[in-house]
Amino acid sequence: MSPAATLLQTRIAISGFFILHGFVAATWISRIPAEKERLEMSAAVLGLVLLGNMLGALLGGLTAGTSVAWWGSRRVARIFGMAVSLSLPVLGLLLSPAWLFAGLVLYGFLLNTLNIGMNTQAAALETNYGKPIFSSFHALWSAGALAGSLAGAGLAGLGLSPFWHFLLIGGLGAGLAWRAGGWLLAASPSPTRQTFVLPSGSLLLLGLMGFCTAISDGSIASWSGVYLRSLGAPESLAALGFAVHQAVMLVGRSSGDWLVRQFGAVRVVRYGALLGGFGLGVAVVSGTVGGMYFGIACMGLGMATLYPLMFAAASQTPGISPAAAMASISTMSTIGGLVGPVLLGAVAEVGTVRASFAVAALLAGVVSYLAFSLANYRVVRARASD
């Protein structure tokens, strides 16, 4: 097989994992309103239950760098891709908020470990290409999330229970992970066994940006469906909120690599975050279903390139392995995800869900300011490594 064909095959395989990750994540998110009603949870209780996902993701971020160092990103992506797919139907069987919380801890751990494994593969492949390609992978994540959201909305409209929905997706996802895992970069485990790295300097700034983004942009995933329901939207329409978010994010990420080449990473993220904050501001002021969909679209388009650029820039941190650096900023983002549901849930309980989106809009402005932390991101052709 020629080198070009090998690169193409590897790119297809890594793309498959990004699609899988997005589809699995959206499958759960699309059924949050149904799970809230099934277990009769209040807004505050739901916020605490969603904390389980973030706690698991935090554990995954703390251990993923070590896992990749010991086993290599190829094995991590393959094994955890299968495991997280098979964890989905478990969530649909749990009969109390406490058990759902515990199930989400496992789910979040598996999902974030897969996240680090597949992004490490993407960083290694980008050095082979010698040009920005990170956004294209995250565009495929959005494509998977969009497909998962649409499937969730459609199956919710047909009255299919979350359990059977999760079982179907879990089986298909596990098969995809096994098949695509055989085509990933066969990088060897790291001889340095580098463990978790505390962020400092530029890595800390990237982590702070991820922290704020996890609360701001993450509000769409956790609360848009609940807010749309409170505005009178039916469950199927409420489930489409995240689909709209991912549809416009797909557009933004598909053009992200070109935009970065033309205008630079700092400008792309800075003005994108401002757009997202403006859109949520419009949603808060209008208090309508249409206004909320406008805000969702602005957030999806504006924040589209942030995570891919954040991971790509972290992977270039001198003296730190790509997996350890990405795990470090992922952990800070996850801490933001931990704070987010509790903070926004508390605001929603004391005030309204509408008020929680005002907080999210303000944090988008902070993200815009922190965009300067991407100033040193460059892509230089080099030999792929783990």
Protein backbone atom coordinates (compact mmCIF):
# COMPACT_ATOMS: atom_id res chain seq x y z
CA MET A 1 0.00 0.00 0.00
CA SER A 2 1.35 3.47 -0.88
CA PRO A 3 2.08 6.05 1.84
CA ALA A 4 -0.74 8.26 0.52
CA ALA A 5 -3.22 5.39 0.74
CA THR A 6 -2.06 4.61 4.27
CA LEU A 7 -2.61 8.21 5.36
CA LEU A 8 -6.05 8.24 3.75
CA GLN A 9 -7.04 4.99 5.40
CA THR A 10 -5.88 6.27 8.77
CA ARG A 11 -7.73 9.53 8.30
CA ILE A 12 -10.93 7.63 7.52
CA ALA A 13 -10.48 5.50 10.63
CA ILE A 14 -9.88 8.50 12.92
CA SER A 15 -12.86 10.21 11.30
CA GLY A 16 -14.98 7.20 12.20
CA PHE A 17 -14.11 7.62 15.87
CA PHE A 18 -15.00 11.32 15.84
CA ILE A 19 -18.35 10.49 14.24
CA LEU A 20 -18.93 7.75 16.81
CA HIS A 21 -18.07 10.01 19.75
CA GLY A 22 -20.43 12.72 18.52
CA PHE A 23 -23.24 10.28 17.80
CA VAL A 24 -22.99 8.62 21.22
CA ALA A 25 -22.84 11.97 23.03
CA ALA A 26 -25.84 13.32 21.13
CA THR A 27 -27.82 10.13 21.69
CA TRP A 28 -27.71 10.74 25.43
CA ILE A 29 -28.23 14.51 25.17
CA SER A 30 -31.27 14.15 22.89
CA ARG A 31 -33.04 12.06 25.52
CA ILE A 32 -32.26 14.21 28.58
CA PRO A 33 -35.77 15.74 28.54
CA ALA A 34 -37.28 12.24 28.34
CA GLU A 35 -35.09 11.00 31.20
CA LYS A 36 -36.02 14.07 33.27
CA GLU A 37 -39.70 13.27 32.84
CA ARG A 38 -39.26 9.50 33.20
CA LEU A 39 -37.61 9.88 36.60
CA GLU A 40 -39.71 12.94 37.56
CA MET A 41 -36.69 15.16 38.29
CA SER A 42 -36.85 18.88 39.05
CA ALA A 43 -34.44 21.31 37.35
CA ALA A 44 -32.18 21.30 40.43
CA VAL A 45 -32.14 17.49 40.68
CA LEU A 46 -31.41 17.17 36.97
CA GLY A 47 -28.47 19.56 37.38
CA LEU A 48 -27.06 17.35 40.13
CA VAL A 49 -27.59 14.17 38.12
CA LEU A 50 -25.82 15.66 35.10
CA LEU A 51 -22.91 16.30 37.45
CA GLY A 52 -22.22 12.56 37.29
CA ASN A 53 -21.29 12.81 33.62
CA MET A 54 -18.80 15.56 34.38
CA LEU A 55 -17.34 13.75 37.40
CA GLY A 56 -16.69 10.72 35.21
CA ALA A 57 -15.19 12.93 32.51
CA LEU A 58 -12.95 14.51 35.13
CA LEU A 59 -11.70 11.08 36.19
CA GLY A 60 -11.13 10.24 32.52
CA GLY A 61 -9.12 13.42 32.00
CA LEU A 62 -6.95 12.70 35.03
CA THR A 63 -6.13 9.17 33.87
CA ALA A 64 -6.29 9.33 30.06
CA GLY A 65 -2.73 10.62 29.61
CA THR A 66 -1.44 7.68 31.62
CA SER A 67 -3.64 5.24 29.71
CA VAL A 68 -2.32 6.49 26.37
CA ALA A 69 1.26 6.40 27.67
CA TRP A 70 0.92 2.77 28.77
CA TRP A 71 -1.20 1.30 25.99
CA GLY A 72 -0.95 3.76 23.10
CA SER A 73 -3.74 5.89 21.67
CA ARG A 74 -4.73 3.16 19.18
CA ARG A 75 -5.71 0.67 21.88
CA VAL A 76 -7.29 3.35 24.05
CA ALA A 77 -9.50 4.60 21.22
CA ARG A 78 -10.57 1.12 20.18
CA ILE A 79 -11.31 -0.31 23.63
CA PHE A 80 -12.98 2.75 25.07
CA GLY A 81 -14.96 3.35 21.88
CA MET A 82 -16.54 -0.06 22.30
CA ALA A 83 -17.03 0.35 26.04
CA VAL A 84 -18.77 3.72 25.93
CA SER A 85 -21.13 2.48 23.20
CA LEU A 86 -22.13 -0.47 25.34
CA SER A 87 -22.64 1.76 28.39
CA LEU A 88 -25.51 3.61 26.71
CA PRO A 89 -28.29 1.03 27.21
CA VAL A 90 -27.36 0.80 30.90
CA LEU A 91 -28.44 4.43 31.32
CA GLY A 92 -31.92 3.63 30.02
CA LEU A 93 -32.40 0.86 32.59
CA LEU A 94 -31.64 2.86 35.74
CA LEU A 95 -34.67 3.47 37.95
CA SER A 96 -33.73 6.40 40.17
CA PRO A 97 -31.84 9.70 39.91
CA ALA A 98 -29.13 8.31 42.23
CA TRP A 99 -28.49 5.30 39.99
CA LEU A 100 -28.57 7.49 36.88
CA PHE A 101 -25.93 9.69 38.49
CA ALA A 102 -23.72 6.63 39.04
CA GLY A 103 -24.28 5.42 35.48
CA LEU A 104 -23.31 8.82 34.12
CA VAL A 105 -20.04 8.72 36.07
CA LEU A 106 -19.06 5.56 34.17
CA TYR A 107 -20.35 6.95 30.88
CA GLY A 108 -18.44 10.23 31.31
CA PHE A 109 -15.21 8.42 32.20
CA LEU A 110 -15.37 6.21 29.12
CA LEU A 111 -16.38 9.05 26.79
CA ASN A 112 -13.60 11.42 27.85
CA THR A 113 -10.91 8.75 27.74
CA LEU A 114 -11.99 7.98 24.18
CA ASN A 115 -11.86 11.72 23.50
CA ILE A 116 -8.18 11.96 24.49
CA GLY A 117 -7.26 8.80 22.59
CA MET A 118 -8.82 9.90 19.29
CA ASN A 119 -7.53 13.50 19.57
CA THR A 120 -4.02 12.15 20.16
CA GLN A 121 -4.40 10.18 16.94
CA ALA A 122 -5.58 13.34 15.14
CA ALA A 123 -2.62 15.38 16.43
CA ALA A 124 -0.18 12.73 15.24
CA LEU A 125 -1.77 12.59 11.80
CA GLU A 126 -1.80 16.39 11.46
CA THR A 127 2.00 16.45 11.70
CA ASN A 128 2.13 14.06 8.74
CA TYR A 129 -0.06 16.34 6.65
CA GLY A 130 1.90 19.48 7.60
CA LYS A 131 -1.20 21.70 7.51
CA PRO A 132 -4.23 22.33 9.76
CA ILE A 133 -6.69 19.42 9.62
CA PHE A 134 -7.91 19.34 13.21
CA SER A 135 -11.15 21.22 12.51
CA SER A 136 -12.10 18.71 9.83
CA PHE A 137 -12.12 15.92 12.42
CA HIS A 138 -14.22 17.97 14.81
CA ALA A 139 -16.54 18.81 11.92
CA LEU A 140 -17.16 15.09 11.64
CA TRP A 141 -17.80 14.98 15.38
CA SER A 142 -20.50 17.58 14.76
CA ALA A 143 -21.84 15.52 11.85
CA GLY A 144 -22.11 12.53 14.17
CA ALA A 145 -23.72 14.66 16.86
CA LEU A 146 -26.17 16.09 14.34
CA ALA A 147 -27.10 12.63 13.11
CA GLY A 148 -27.46 11.43 16.70
CA SER A 149 -29.65 14.41 17.59
CA LEU A 150 -31.91 13.91 14.57
CA ALA A 151 -32.19 10.21 15.31
CA GLY A 152 -33.02 11.01 18.93
CA ALA A 153 -35.68 13.53 17.94
CA GLY A 154 -37.18 11.14 15.41
CA LEU A 155 -37.25 8.16 17.75
CA ALA A 156 -38.63 10.33 20.57
CA GLY A 157 -41.41 11.44 18.23
CA LEU A 158 -42.19 7.80 17.46
CA GLY A 159 -42.45 7.08 21.18
CA LEU A 160 -39.44 4.72 21.38
CA SER A 161 -38.17 4.46 24.95
CA PRO A 162 -34.63 5.66 25.75
CA PHE A 163 -33.53 2.10 26.59
CA TRP A 164 -34.32 0.60 23.16
CA HIS A 165 -32.90 3.69 21.49
CA PHE A 166 -29.66 3.35 23.49
CA LEU A 167 -29.44 -0.40 22.86
CA LEU A 168 -29.66 0.09 19.10
CA ILE A 169 -26.98 2.79 19.00
CA GLY A 170 -24.75 0.98 21.48
CA GLY A 171 -24.57 -2.18 19.39
CA LEU A 172 -23.82 -0.30 16.17
CA GLY A 173 -21.23 1.90 17.88
CA ALA A 174 -19.33 -1.01 19.39
CA GLY A 175 -19.07 -2.67 15.98
CA LEU A 176 -17.76 0.53 14.37
CA ALA A 177 -15.13 1.02 17.09
CA TRP A 178 -13.84 -2.52 16.65
CA ARG A 179 -13.62 -2.23 12.87
CA ALA A 180 -12.10 1.26 12.63
CA GLY A 181 -9.69 0.58 15.49
CA GLY A 182 -7.69 -1.75 13.29
CA TRP A 183 -6.81 1.10 10.92
CA LEU A 184 -5.52 3.63 13.45
CA LEU A 185 -1.90 4.73 13.72
CA ALA A 186 0.03 1.89 15.30
CA ALA A 187 2.09 4.14 17.56
CA SER A 188 3.95 2.45 20.39
CA PRO A 189 3.25 3.18 24.04
CA SER A 190 5.42 6.01 25.40
CA PRO A 191 8.60 4.88 27.17
CA THR A 192 8.39 7.96 29.47
CA ARG A 193 5.02 6.88 30.95
CA GLN A 194 4.14 10.58 31.40
CA THR A 195 1.21 10.96 33.77
CA PHE A 196 -1.18 13.85 34.37
CA VAL A 197 0.40 17.31 34.00
CA LEU A 198 -0.78 20.30 36.01
CA PRO A 199 -1.45 23.14 33.53
CA SER A 200 0.74 26.22 33.70
CA GLY A 201 1.71 29.07 31.40
CA SER A 202 0.11 28.85 27.96
CA LEU A 203 -1.45 25.49 28.82
CA LEU A 204 -3.22 27.08 31.80
CA LEU A 205 -4.65 29.85 29.59
CA LEU A 206 -5.94 27.27 27.12
CA GLY A 207 -7.49 25.38 30.01
CA LEU A 208 -9.21 28.52 31.31
CA MET A 209 -10.67 29.08 27.86
CA GLY A 210 -11.95 25.50 27.86
CA PHE A 211 -13.35 25.98 31.37
CA CYS A 212 -15.48 28.96 30.32
CA THR A 213 -16.51 27.32 27.06
CA ALA A 214 -17.69 24.20 28.87
CA ILE A 215 -20.15 26.33 30.83
CA SER A 216 -21.16 28.69 28.03
CA ASP A 217 -21.42 26.44 24.97
CA GLY A 218 -22.20 23.46 27.20
CA SER A 219 -25.42 25.16 28.27
CA ILE A 220 -26.87 24.25 24.87
CA ALA A 221 -26.31 20.54 25.38
CA SER A 222 -27.59 20.41 28.96
CA TRP A 223 -30.34 22.99 29.08
CA SER A 224 -31.59 24.00 25.62
CA GLY A 225 -34.06 21.10 25.48
CA VAL A 226 -35.37 21.88 28.98
CA TYR A 227 -35.71 25.60 28.17
CA LEU A 228 -37.48 24.94 24.89
CA ARG A 229 -39.91 22.66 26.74
CA SER A 230 -40.58 25.46 29.24
CA LEU A 231 -41.43 27.73 26.30
CA GLY A 232 -44.08 25.25 25.17
CA ALA A 233 -42.13 23.30 22.52
CA PRO A 234 -43.09 19.58 22.22
CA GLU A 235 -40.45 16.97 23.14
CA SER A 236 -39.53 16.22 19.52
CA LEU A 237 -38.98 19.93 18.79
CA ALA A 238 -37.06 20.46 22.04
CA ALA A 239 -34.76 17.57 21.13
CA LEU A 240 -33.96 19.35 17.86
CA GLY A 241 -32.29 22.22 19.72
CA PHE A 242 -29.00 20.38 20.00
CA ALA A 243 -29.37 19.21 16.40
CA VAL A 244 -29.54 22.84 15.22
CA HIS A 245 -26.50 23.61 17.34
CA GLN A 246 -24.51 20.80 15.73
CA ALA A 247 -25.75 21.57 12.22
CA VAL A 248 -24.36 25.09 12.25
CA MET A 249 -21.27 23.93 14.14
CA LEU A 250 -20.68 21.43 11.33
CA VAL A 251 -20.65 24.35 8.87
CA GLY A 252 -18.23 26.31 11.04
CA ARG A 253 -15.86 23.39 11.58
CA SER A 254 -15.94 22.36 7.93
CA SER A 255 -14.55 25.78 7.02
CA GLY A 256 -12.43 26.09 10.17
CA ASP A 257 -9.10 24.93 8.72
CA TRP A 258 -9.45 27.38 5.81
CA LEU A 259 -10.43 30.23 8.14
CA VAL A 260 -7.42 29.60 10.36
CA ARG A 261 -5.09 29.67 7.35
CA GLN A 262 -6.63 32.96 6.18
CA PHE A 263 -7.14 34.90 9.42
CA GLY A 264 -5.28 33.07 12.18
CA ALA A 265 -6.57 31.10 15.14
CA VAL A 266 -6.86 34.10 17.47
CA ARG A 267 -9.24 36.10 15.27
CA VAL A 268 -11.36 33.09 14.37
CA VAL A 269 -11.99 32.22 18.02
CA ARG A 270 -12.26 35.81 19.27
CA TYR A 271 -14.99 36.93 16.89
CA GLY A 272 -16.69 33.56 16.95
CA ALA A 273 -17.14 33.70 20.73
CA LEU A 274 -18.54 37.23 20.44
CA LEU A 275 -21.08 35.95 17.92
CA GLY A 276 -22.11 33.17 20.29
CA GLY A 277 -22.57 35.55 23.21
CA PHE A 278 -24.61 37.94 21.07
CA GLY A 279 -26.91 35.15 19.92
CA LEU A 280 -27.61 33.95 23.46
CA GLY A 281 -28.25 37.56 24.46
CA VAL A 282 -30.93 37.78 21.78
CA ALA A 283 -32.43 34.50 23.04
CA VAL A 284 -32.59 35.81 26.61
CA VAL A 285 -34.20 39.11 25.62
CA SER A 286 -36.77 37.58 23.26
CA GLY A 287 -37.92 34.71 25.49
CA THR A 288 -39.35 32.87 22.49
CA VAL A 289 -38.77 29.52 20.80
CA GLY A 290 -37.56 31.28 17.65
CA GLY A 291 -35.22 33.52 19.61
CA MET A 292 -33.74 30.52 21.41
CA TYR A 293 -33.12 28.72 18.13
CA PHE A 294 -31.34 31.85 16.87
CA GLY A 295 -29.14 31.83 19.96
CA ILE A 296 -28.42 28.14 19.56
CA ALA A 297 -27.38 28.71 15.94
CA CYS A 298 -25.07 31.61 16.83
CA MET A 299 -23.38 29.56 19.55
CA GLY A 300 -22.89 26.61 17.23
CA LEU A 301 -21.35 28.72 14.47
CA GLY A 302 -19.35 31.03 16.70
CA MET A 303 -17.81 28.40 18.98
CA ALA A 304 -17.26 25.84 16.22
CA THR A 305 -13.47 26.01 16.01
CA LEU A 306 -12.69 26.53 19.68
CA TYR A 307 -12.24 22.97 20.88
CA PRO A 308 -10.30 21.71 17.84
CA LEU A 309 -7.93 24.68 18.02
CA MET A 310 -7.58 24.34 21.78
CA PHE A 311 -6.61 20.67 21.50
CA ALA A 312 -4.34 21.28 18.52
CA ALA A 313 -2.51 24.11 20.31
CA ALA A 314 -2.17 22.05 23.51
CA SER A 315 -0.63 19.15 21.58
CA GLN A 316 2.26 21.45 20.61
CA THR A 317 3.19 22.35 24.21
CA PRO A 318 7.01 21.95 24.53
CA GLY A 319 8.23 19.23 26.86
CA ILE A 320 4.82 17.57 27.31
CA SER A 321 3.41 14.64 25.33
CA PRO A 322 0.34 15.51 23.22
CA ALA A 323 -1.86 13.10 25.19
CA ALA A 324 -0.81 14.52 28.57
CA ALA A 325 -1.26 18.12 27.41
CA MET A 326 -4.68 17.46 25.93
CA ALA A 327 -5.73 15.53 29.02
CA SER A 328 -4.69 18.51 31.12
CA ILE A 329 -6.85 21.06 29.32
CA SER A 330 -9.63 18.52 28.96
CA THR A 331 -9.64 18.22 32.74
CA MET A 332 -10.01 21.97 33.14
CA SER A 333 -12.82 21.96 30.60
CA THR A 334 -14.44 19.14 32.52
CA ILE A 335 -14.21 21.12 35.75
CA GLY A 336 -16.12 23.83 33.89
CA GLY A 337 -18.59 21.15 32.92
CA LEU A 338 -18.87 20.18 36.59
CA VAL A 339 -19.50 23.75 37.65
CA GLY A 340 -21.82 24.48 34.72
CA PRO A 341 -24.80 22.20 35.44
CA VAL A 342 -24.78 23.12 39.13
CA LEU A 343 -24.37 26.85 38.46
CA LEU A 344 -26.94 27.03 35.68
CA GLY A 345 -29.28 24.67 37.54
CA ALA A 346 -29.07 26.87 40.65
CA VAL A 347 -29.75 29.99 38.59
CA ALA A 348 -32.70 28.22 36.95
CA GLU A 349 -34.08 27.11 40.32
CA VAL A 350 -33.74 30.53 41.99
CA GLY A 351 -34.73 32.48 38.91
CA THR A 352 -35.50 30.85 35.56
CA VAL A 353 -33.77 28.73 32.95
CA ARG A 354 -33.84 31.89 30.84
CA ALA A 355 -31.60 33.62 33.38
CA SER A 356 -29.10 30.76 33.21
CA PHE A 357 -28.56 31.47 29.52
CA ALA A 358 -27.74 35.12 30.38
CA VAL A 359 -24.84 33.78 32.48
CA ALA A 360 -23.74 31.60 29.56
CA ALA A 361 -23.77 34.64 27.24
CA LEU A 362 -21.49 36.59 29.59
CA LEU A 363 -19.00 33.72 29.75
CA ALA A 364 -18.80 33.68 25.94
CA GLY A 365 -17.34 37.17 26.25
CA VAL A 366 -14.62 35.84 28.56
CA VAL A 367 -13.78 33.17 25.98
CA SER A 368 -13.39 35.88 23.35
CA TYR A 369 -10.86 37.68 25.54
CA LEU A 370 -8.83 34.51 26.19
CA ALA A 371 -8.44 33.84 22.45
CA PHE A 372 -4.93 35.36 22.60
CA SER A 373 -3.74 32.08 24.17
CA LEU A 374 -3.85 30.53 20.67
CA ALA A 375 -1.26 32.93 19.25
CA ASN A 376 1.56 30.36 19.10
CA TYR A 377 -0.38 27.63 17.26
CA ARG A 378 1.51 26.50 14.14
CA VAL A 379 1.48 23.28 12.10
CA VAL A 380 4.93 21.95 11.17
CA ARG A 381 5.37 18.73 9.24
CA ALA A 382 6.99 16.06 11.42
CA ARG A 383 7.03 12.32 12.02
CA ALA A 384 3.83 11.10 13.69
CA SER A 385 4.26 10.06 17.29
CA ASP A 386 2.09 9.11 20.25
